[in-house]
Structure formats: C-alpha cells, structure tokens
C-alpha cells in the first residue's frame, strides 16, 4: 500500500514538473532551436555597450553607517 502511495505521490510530482517545464519552454522553443544552431533572432550586444548600461544603474548608499567597529559587533554577540 505504501508503495502505491509513493508511486502516486512521485508520479504526480513528476507530472506537475514536466507540465511546468513544457509551459515555460514551449512558447520559446523556436527561438531556442535557432539559438542552438547559431541563428538567433536576438541582436548581439558587445561588452562595452553592456558595461555602459550597467553604469547607468544607480546604487543608493545604505541607510546604516558602514564603519561599525569590531567592538560593536562583539558587544552585539
């Protein structure tokens, strides 16, 4: 009986995961195939252009002070 319960449980998990993968990959399968054979419809972006885009992303400083001494860390522990 436990064997049948295990088969049903893991079979259902396998079926749900296969469905999730199929629904995720299915709509993009044509583009994936083209990329695998080297004919991707996506434009090639050189590395310097990507670096320029990353520089535009603003990083805000943390709200807490950064120079906490080791003594304050030991006191907190």
PDB file of N, CA and C in Angstrom:
ATOM      1  N   UNK A   1       0.812  -1.193   0.000  1.00  0.00           N
ATOM      2  CA  UNK A   1       0.000   0.000   0.000  1.00  0.00           C
ATOM      3  C   UNK A   1       0.861   1.265   0.000  1.00  0.00           C
ATOM      4  N   UNK A   2       1.922   1.264   0.825  1.00  0.00           N
ATOM      5  CA  UNK A   2       2.822   2.415   0.864  1.00  0.00           C
ATOM      6  C   UNK A   2       3.531   2.594  -0.475  1.00  0.00           C
ATOM      7  N   UNK A   3       3.806   1.462  -1.136  1.00  0.00           N
ATOM      8  CA  UNK A   3       4.449   1.538  -2.450  1.00  0.00           C
ATOM      9  C   UNK A   3       3.545   2.270  -3.447  1.00  0.00           C
ATOM     10  N   UNK A   4       2.267   1.965  -3.439  1.00  0.00           N
ATOM     11  CA  UNK A   4       1.331   2.630  -4.354  1.00  0.00           C
ATOM     12  C   UNK A   4       1.196   4.114  -4.022  1.00  0.00           C
ATOM     13  N   UNK A   5       1.222   4.450  -2.742  1.00  0.00           N
ATOM     14  CA  UNK A   5       1.160   5.844  -2.332  1.00  0.00           C
ATOM     15  C   UNK A   5       2.409   6.598  -2.798  1.00  0.00           C
ATOM     16  N   UNK A   6       3.568   5.957  -2.690  1.00  0.00           N
ATOM     17  CA  UNK A   6       4.811   6.583  -3.150  1.00  0.00           C
ATOM     18  C   UNK A   6       4.793   6.773  -4.669  1.00  0.00           C
ATOM     19  N   UNK A   7       4.325   5.781  -5.388  1.00  0.00           N
ATOM     20  CA  UNK A   7       4.226   5.882  -6.849  1.00  0.00           C
ATOM     21  C   UNK A   7       3.283   7.026  -7.232  1.00  0.00           C
ATOM     22  N   UNK A   8       2.148   7.127  -6.553  1.00  0.00           N
ATOM     23  CA  UNK A   8       1.191   8.185  -6.865  1.00  0.00           C
ATOM     24  C   UNK A   8       1.767   9.559  -6.536  1.00  0.00           C
ATOM     25  N   UNK A   9       2.442   9.668  -5.387  1.00  0.00           N
ATOM     26  CA  UNK A   9       2.995  10.961  -4.965  1.00  0.00           C
ATOM     27  C   UNK A   9       4.085  11.427  -5.916  1.00  0.00           C
ATOM     28  N   UNK A  10       5.066  10.568  -6.160  1.00  0.00           N
ATOM     29  CA  UNK A  10       6.178  10.964  -7.014  1.00  0.00           C
ATOM     30  C   UNK A  10       5.769  11.049  -8.480  1.00  0.00           C
ATOM     31  N   UNK A  11       4.791  10.266  -8.896  1.00  0.00           N
ATOM     32  CA  UNK A  11       4.267  10.378 -10.250  1.00  0.00           C
ATOM     33  C   UNK A  11       3.578  11.713 -10.465  1.00  0.00           C
ATOM     34  N   UNK A  12       2.820  12.152  -9.456  1.00  0.00           N
ATOM     35  CA  UNK A  12       2.163  13.452  -9.555  1.00  0.00           C
ATOM     36  C   UNK A  12       3.197  14.575  -9.578  1.00  0.00           C
ATOM     37  N   UNK A  13       4.237  14.464  -8.746  1.00  0.00           N
ATOM     38  CA  UNK A  13       5.286  15.488  -8.735  1.00  0.00           C
ATOM     39  C   UNK A  13       5.995  15.538 -10.090  1.00  0.00           C
ATOM     40  N   UNK A  14       6.256  14.390 -10.668  1.00  0.00           N
ATOM     41  CA  UNK A  14       6.893  14.340 -11.986  1.00  0.00           C
ATOM     42  C   UNK A  14       5.989  14.958 -13.049  1.00  0.00           C
ATOM     43  N   UNK A  15       4.718  14.643 -12.990  1.00  0.00           N
ATOM     44  CA  UNK A  15       3.783  15.199 -13.968  1.00  0.00           C
ATOM     45  C   UNK A  15       3.663  16.710 -13.860  1.00  0.00           C
ATOM     46  N   UNK A  16       3.586  17.229 -12.645  1.00  0.00           N
ATOM     47  CA  UNK A  16       3.476  18.683 -12.446  1.00  0.00           C
ATOM     48  C   UNK A  16       4.739  19.388 -12.907  1.00  0.00           C
ATOM     49  N   UNK A  17       5.908  18.822 -12.584  1.00  0.00           N
ATOM     50  CA  UNK A  17       7.155  19.463 -13.010  1.00  0.00           C
ATOM     51  C   UNK A  17       7.314  19.401 -14.532  1.00  0.00           C
ATOM     52  N   UNK A  18       6.938  18.301 -15.158  1.00  0.00           N
ATOM     53  CA  UNK A  18       7.010  18.207 -16.622  1.00  0.00           C
ATOM     54  C   UNK A  18       6.070  19.216 -17.271  1.00  0.00           C
ATOM     55  N   UNK A  19       4.885  19.398 -16.701  1.00  0.00           N
ATOM     56  CA  UNK A  19       3.938  20.388 -17.224  1.00  0.00           C
ATOM     57  C   UNK A  19       4.507  21.802 -17.096  1.00  0.00           C
ATOM     58  N   UNK A  20       5.116  22.113 -15.943  1.00  0.00           N
ATOM     59  CA  UNK A  20       5.676  23.446 -15.732  1.00  0.00           C
ATOM     60  C   UNK A  20       6.811  23.724 -16.718  1.00  0.00           C
ATOM     61  N   UNK A  21       7.678  22.748 -16.933  1.00  0.00           N
ATOM     62  CA  UNK A  21       8.779  22.928 -17.886  1.00  0.00           C
ATOM     63  C   UNK A  21       8.241  23.089 -19.300  1.00  0.00           C
ATOM     64  N   UNK A  22       7.262  22.280 -19.676  1.00  0.00           N
ATOM     65  CA  UNK A  22       6.695  22.363 -21.030  1.00  0.00           C
ATOM     66  C   UNK A  22       6.023  23.710 -21.267  1.00  0.00           C
ATOM     67  N   UNK A  23       5.315  24.223 -20.272  1.00  0.00           N
ATOM     68  CA  UNK A  23       4.649  25.519 -20.431  1.00  0.00           C
ATOM     69  C   UNK A  23       5.640  26.676 -20.452  1.00  0.00           C
ATOM     70  N   UNK A  24       6.790  26.504 -19.813  1.00  0.00           N
ATOM     71  CA  UNK A  24       7.799  27.558 -19.804  1.00  0.00           C
ATOM     72  C   UNK A  24       8.610  27.561 -21.094  1.00  0.00           C
ATOM     73  N   UNK A  25       9.018  26.390 -21.539  1.00  0.00           N
ATOM     74  CA  UNK A  25       9.888  26.274 -22.701  1.00  0.00           C
ATOM     75  C   UNK A  25       9.088  26.285 -24.002  1.00  0.00           C
ATOM     76  N   UNK A  26       7.897  25.788 -23.975  1.00  0.00           N
ATOM     77  CA  UNK A  26       7.086  25.642 -25.182  1.00  0.00           C
ATOM     78  C   UNK A  26       6.955  26.887 -26.039  1.00  0.00           C
ATOM     79  N   UNK A  27       6.544  28.028 -25.470  1.00  0.00           N
ATOM     80  CA  UNK A  27       6.379  29.220 -26.307  1.00  0.00           C
ATOM     81  C   UNK A  27       7.683  29.732 -26.927  1.00  0.00           C
ATOM     82  N   UNK A  28       8.820  29.401 -26.340  1.00  0.00           N
ATOM     83  CA  UNK A  28      10.108  29.896 -26.838  1.00  0.00           C
ATOM     84  C   UNK A  28      10.915  28.820 -27.553  1.00  0.00           C
ATOM     85  N   UNK A  29      10.302  27.693 -27.854  1.00  0.00           N
ATOM     86  CA  UNK A  29      11.038  26.573 -28.436  1.00  0.00           C
ATOM     87  C   UNK A  29      11.657  26.928 -29.786  1.00  0.00           C
ATOM     88  N   UNK A  30      10.971  27.705 -30.595  1.00  0.00           N
ATOM     89  CA  UNK A  30      11.518  28.094 -31.900  1.00  0.00           C
ATOM     90  C   UNK A  30      12.781  28.940 -31.724  1.00  0.00           C
ATOM     91  N   UNK A  31      12.735  29.913 -30.804  1.00  0.00           N
ATOM     92  CA  UNK A  31      13.916  30.750 -30.573  1.00  0.00           C
ATOM     93  C   UNK A  31      15.063  29.949 -29.967  1.00  0.00           C
ATOM     94  N   UNK A  32      14.752  28.971 -29.119  1.00  0.00           N
ATOM     95  CA  UNK A  32      15.791  28.132 -28.528  1.00  0.00           C
ATOM     96  C   UNK A  32      16.478  27.313 -29.612  1.00  0.00           C
ATOM     97  N   UNK A  33      15.691  26.738 -30.513  1.00  0.00           N
ATOM     98  CA  UNK A  33      16.278  25.959 -31.614  1.00  0.00           C
ATOM     99  C   UNK A  33      17.174  26.827 -32.498  1.00  0.00           C
ATOM    100  N   UNK A  34      16.725  28.036 -32.821  1.00  0.00           N
ATOM    101  CA  UNK A  34      17.544  28.932 -33.639  1.00  0.00           C
ATOM    102  C   UNK A  34      18.846  29.304 -32.922  1.00  0.00           C
ATOM    103  N   UNK A  35      18.773  29.529 -31.631  1.00  0.00           N
ATOM    104  CA  UNK A  35      19.977  29.871 -30.882  1.00  0.00           C
ATOM    105  C   UNK A  35      20.957  28.696 -30.836  1.00  0.00           C
ATOM    106  N   UNK A  36      20.439  27.485 -30.766  1.00  0.00           N
ATOM    107  CA  UNK A  36      21.313  26.309 -30.728  1.00  0.00           C
ATOM    108  C   UNK A  36      22.042  26.076 -32.045  1.00  0.00           C
ATOM    109  N   UNK A  37      21.430  26.476 -33.154  1.00  0.00           N
ATOM    110  CA  UNK A  37      22.107  26.296 -34.440  1.00  0.00           C
ATOM    111  C   UNK A  37      22.853  27.554 -34.869  1.00  0.00           C
ATOM    112  N   UNK A  38      22.843  28.580 -34.019  1.00  0.00           N
ATOM    113  CA  UNK A  38      23.635  29.775 -34.289  1.00  0.00           C
ATOM    114  C   UNK A  38      22.946  30.841 -35.107  1.00  0.00           C
ATOM    115  N   UNK A  39      21.641  30.810 -35.204  1.00  0.00           N
ATOM    116  CA  UNK A  39      20.906  31.805 -35.986  1.00  0.00           C
ATOM    117  C   UNK A  39      19.897  32.524 -35.103  1.00  0.00           C
ATOM    118  N   UNK A  40      20.354  33.017 -33.986  1.00  0.00           N
ATOM    119  CA  UNK A  40      19.464  33.645 -33.016  1.00  0.00           C
ATOM    120  C   UNK A  40      18.890  34.950 -33.562  1.00  0.00           C
ATOM    121  N   UNK A  41      17.588  35.187 -33.386  1.00  0.00           N
ATOM    122  CA  UNK A  41      16.990  36.452 -33.831  1.00  0.00           C
ATOM    123  C   UNK A  41      17.322  37.615 -32.899  1.00  0.00           C
ATOM    124  N   UNK A  42      17.887  37.317 -31.740  1.00  0.00           N
ATOM    125  CA  UNK A  42      18.237  38.361 -30.778  1.00  0.00           C
ATOM    126  C   UNK A  42      19.503  39.074 -31.263  1.00  0.00           C
ATOM    127  N   UNK A  43      19.546  40.397 -31.191  1.00  0.00           N
ATOM    128  CA  UNK A  43      20.737  41.119 -31.651  1.00  0.00           C
ATOM    129  C   UNK A  43      21.914  40.912 -30.703  1.00  0.00           C
ATOM    130  N   UNK A  44      23.110  40.875 -31.285  1.00  0.00           N
ATOM    131  CA  UNK A  44      24.325  40.732 -30.491  1.00  0.00           C
ATOM    132  C   UNK A  44      24.664  42.068 -29.857  1.00  0.00           C
ATOM    133  N   UNK A  45      24.937  42.063 -28.558  1.00  0.00           N
ATOM    134  CA  UNK A  45      25.277  43.292 -27.839  1.00  0.00           C
ATOM    135  C   UNK A  45      26.729  43.177 -27.383  1.00  0.00           C
ATOM    136  N   UNK A  46      27.615  44.060 -27.869  1.00  0.00           N
ATOM    137  CA  UNK A  46      29.009  43.995 -27.451  1.00  0.00           C
ATOM    138  C   UNK A  46      29.176  44.305 -25.962  1.00  0.00           C
ATOM    139  N   UNK A  47      30.264  43.832 -25.387  1.00  0.00           N
ATOM    140  CA  UNK A  47      30.520  44.001 -23.957  1.00  0.00           C
ATOM    141  C   UNK A  47      30.628  45.466 -23.526  1.00  0.00           C
ATOM    142  N   UNK A  48      31.297  46.367 -24.281  1.00  0.00           N
ATOM    143  CA  UNK A  48      31.365  47.760 -23.818  1.00  0.00           C
ATOM    144  C   UNK A  48      30.000  48.430 -23.709  1.00  0.00           C
ATOM    145  N   UNK A  49      29.087  48.071 -24.582  1.00  0.00           N
ATOM    146  CA  UNK A  49      27.749  48.653 -24.511  1.00  0.00           C
ATOM    147  C   UNK A  49      27.007  48.158 -23.276  1.00  0.00           C
ATOM    148  N   UNK A  50      27.213  46.910 -22.904  1.00  0.00           N
ATOM    149  CA  UNK A  50      26.586  46.379 -21.704  1.00  0.00           C
ATOM    150  C   UNK A  50      27.154  47.056 -20.461  1.00  0.00           C
ATOM    151  N   UNK A  51      28.468  47.298 -20.456  1.00  0.00           N
ATOM    152  CA  UNK A  51      29.078  47.969 -19.316  1.00  0.00           C
ATOM    153  C   UNK A  51      28.544  49.386 -19.174  1.00  0.00           C
ATOM    154  N   UNK A  52      28.303  50.059 -20.293  1.00  0.00           N
ATOM    155  CA  UNK A  52      27.753  51.405 -20.271  1.00  0.00           C
ATOM    156  C   UNK A  52      26.349  51.383 -19.657  1.00  0.00           C
ATOM    157  N   UNK A  53      25.588  50.385 -19.966  1.00  0.00           N
ATOM    158  CA  UNK A  53      24.251  50.258 -19.394  1.00  0.00           C
ATOM    159  C   UNK A  53      24.284  49.996 -17.902  1.00  0.00           C
ATOM    160  N   UNK A  54      25.272  49.224 -17.456  1.00  0.00           N
ATOM    161  CA  UNK A  54      25.377  48.941 -16.029  1.00  0.00           C
ATOM    162  C   UNK A  54      25.792  50.177 -15.250  1.00  0.00           C
ATOM    163  N   UNK A  55      26.567  51.054 -15.868  1.00  0.00           N
ATOM    164  CA  UNK A  55      26.984  52.265 -15.165  1.00  0.00           C
ATOM    165  C   UNK A  55      25.810  53.203 -14.935  1.00  0.00           C
ATOM    166  N   UNK A  56      24.793  53.103 -15.785  1.00  0.00           N
ATOM    167  CA  UNK A  56      23.641  53.987 -15.647  1.00  0.00           C
ATOM    168  C   UNK A  56      22.750  53.600 -14.472  1.00  0.00           C
ATOM    169  N   UNK A  57      22.890  52.380 -13.985  1.00  0.00           N
ATOM    170  CA  UNK A  57      22.065  51.920 -12.877  1.00  0.00           C
ATOM    171  C   UNK A  57      22.582  52.556 -11.595  1.00  0.00           C
ATOM    172  N   UNK A  58      21.713  53.297 -10.927  1.00  0.00           N
ATOM    173  CA  UNK A  58      22.124  53.998  -9.717  1.00  0.00           C
ATOM    174  C   UNK A  58      22.012  53.059  -8.514  1.00  0.00           C
ATOM    175  N   UNK A  59      23.042  53.068  -7.700  1.00  0.00           N
ATOM    176  CA  UNK A  59      23.052  52.284  -6.474  1.00  0.00           C
ATOM    177  C   UNK A  59      22.998  53.260  -5.313  1.00  0.00           C
ATOM    178  N   UNK A  60      21.937  53.157  -4.519  1.00  0.00           N
ATOM    179  CA  UNK A  60      21.799  54.067  -3.389  1.00  0.00           C
ATOM    180  C   UNK A  60      22.646  53.593  -2.213  1.00  0.00           C
ATOM    181  N   UNK A  61      23.240  54.512  -1.457  1.00  0.00           N
ATOM    182  CA  UNK A  61      24.025  54.103  -0.292  1.00  0.00           C
ATOM    183  C   UNK A  61      23.119  53.519   0.784  1.00  0.00           C
ATOM    184  N   UNK A  62      23.714  52.709   1.631  1.00  0.00           N
ATOM    185  CA  UNK A  62      22.942  52.095   2.702  1.00  0.00           C
ATOM    186  C   UNK A  62      22.541  53.148   3.721  1.00  0.00           C
ATOM    187  N   UNK A  63      21.435  52.910   4.388  1.00  0.00           N
ATOM    188  CA  UNK A  63      20.943  53.853   5.380  1.00  0.00           C
ATOM    189  C   UNK A  63      21.741  53.766   6.683  1.00  0.00           C
ATOM    190  N   UNK A  64      22.373  52.616   6.927  1.00  0.00           N
ATOM    191  CA  UNK A  64      23.130  52.450   8.168  1.00  0.00           C
ATOM    192  C   UNK A  64      24.581  52.831   7.933  1.00  0.00           C
ATOM    193  N   UNK A  65      25.272  53.275   8.959  1.00  0.00           N
ATOM    194  CA  UNK A  65      26.695  53.599   8.788  1.00  0.00           C
ATOM    195  C   UNK A  65      27.501  52.333   8.509  1.00  0.00           C
ATOM    196  N   UNK A  66      28.503  52.447   7.682  1.00  0.00           N
ATOM    197  CA  UNK A  66      29.279  51.283   7.253  1.00  0.00           C
ATOM    198  C   UNK A  66      30.471  51.000   8.156  1.00  0.00           C
ATOM    199  N   UNK A  67      30.947  51.993   8.892  1.00  0.00           N
ATOM    200  CA  UNK A  67      32.185  51.813   9.649  1.00  0.00           C
ATOM    201  C   UNK A  67      31.905  51.398  11.097  1.00  0.00           C
ATOM    202  N   UNK A  68      31.218  50.284  11.263  1.00  0.00           N
ATOM    203  CA  UNK A  68      30.983  49.764  12.608  1.00  0.00           C
ATOM    204  C   UNK A  68      32.238  49.047  13.058  1.00  0.00           C
ATOM    205  N   UNK A  69      32.677  49.345  14.226  1.00  0.00           N
ATOM    206  CA  UNK A  69      33.904  48.734  14.722  1.00  0.00           C
ATOM    207  C   UNK A  69      33.673  47.298  15.159  1.00  0.00           C
ATOM    208  N   UNK A  70      34.759  46.587  15.315  1.00  0.00           N
ATOM    209  CA  UNK A  70      34.666  45.199  15.744  1.00  0.00           C
ATOM    210  C   UNK A  70      34.128  45.103  17.171  1.00  0.00           C
ATOM    211  N   UNK A  71      34.379  46.128  17.980  1.00  0.00           N
ATOM    212  CA  UNK A  71      33.878  46.107  19.362  1.00  0.00           C
ATOM    213  C   UNK A  71      32.359  46.117  19.380  1.00  0.00           C
ATOM    214  N   UNK A  72      31.739  46.881  18.489  1.00  0.00           N
ATOM    215  CA  UNK A  72      30.270  46.897  18.490  1.00  0.00           C
ATOM    216  C   UNK A  72      29.705  45.560  18.025  1.00  0.00           C
ATOM    217  N   UNK A  73      30.413  44.870  17.129  1.00  0.00           N
ATOM    218  CA  UNK A  73      29.967  43.545  16.704  1.00  0.00           C
ATOM    219  C   UNK A  73      30.078  42.552  17.848  1.00  0.00           C
ATOM    220  N   UNK A  74      31.180  42.641  18.604  1.00  0.00           N
ATOM    221  CA  UNK A  74      31.359  41.734  19.740  1.00  0.00           C
ATOM    222  C   UNK A  74      30.338  42.035  20.818  1.00  0.00           C
ATOM    223  N   UNK A  75      29.984  43.290  21.012  1.00  0.00           N
ATOM    224  CA  UNK A  75      29.005  43.648  22.032  1.00  0.00           C
ATOM    225  C   UNK A  75      27.628  43.107  21.642  1.00  0.00           C
ATOM    226  N   UNK A  76      27.344  43.103  20.357  1.00  0.00           N
ATOM    227  CA  UNK A  76      26.054  42.603  19.906  1.00  0.00           C
ATOM    228  C   UNK A  76      25.958  41.086  20.047  1.00  0.00           C
ATOM    229  N   UNK A  77      27.097  40.416  19.964  1.00  0.00           N
ATOM    230  CA  UNK A  77      27.101  38.957  20.067  1.00  0.00           C
ATOM    231  C   UNK A  77      26.980  38.585  21.512  1.00  0.00           C
TER     232      UNK A  77
END
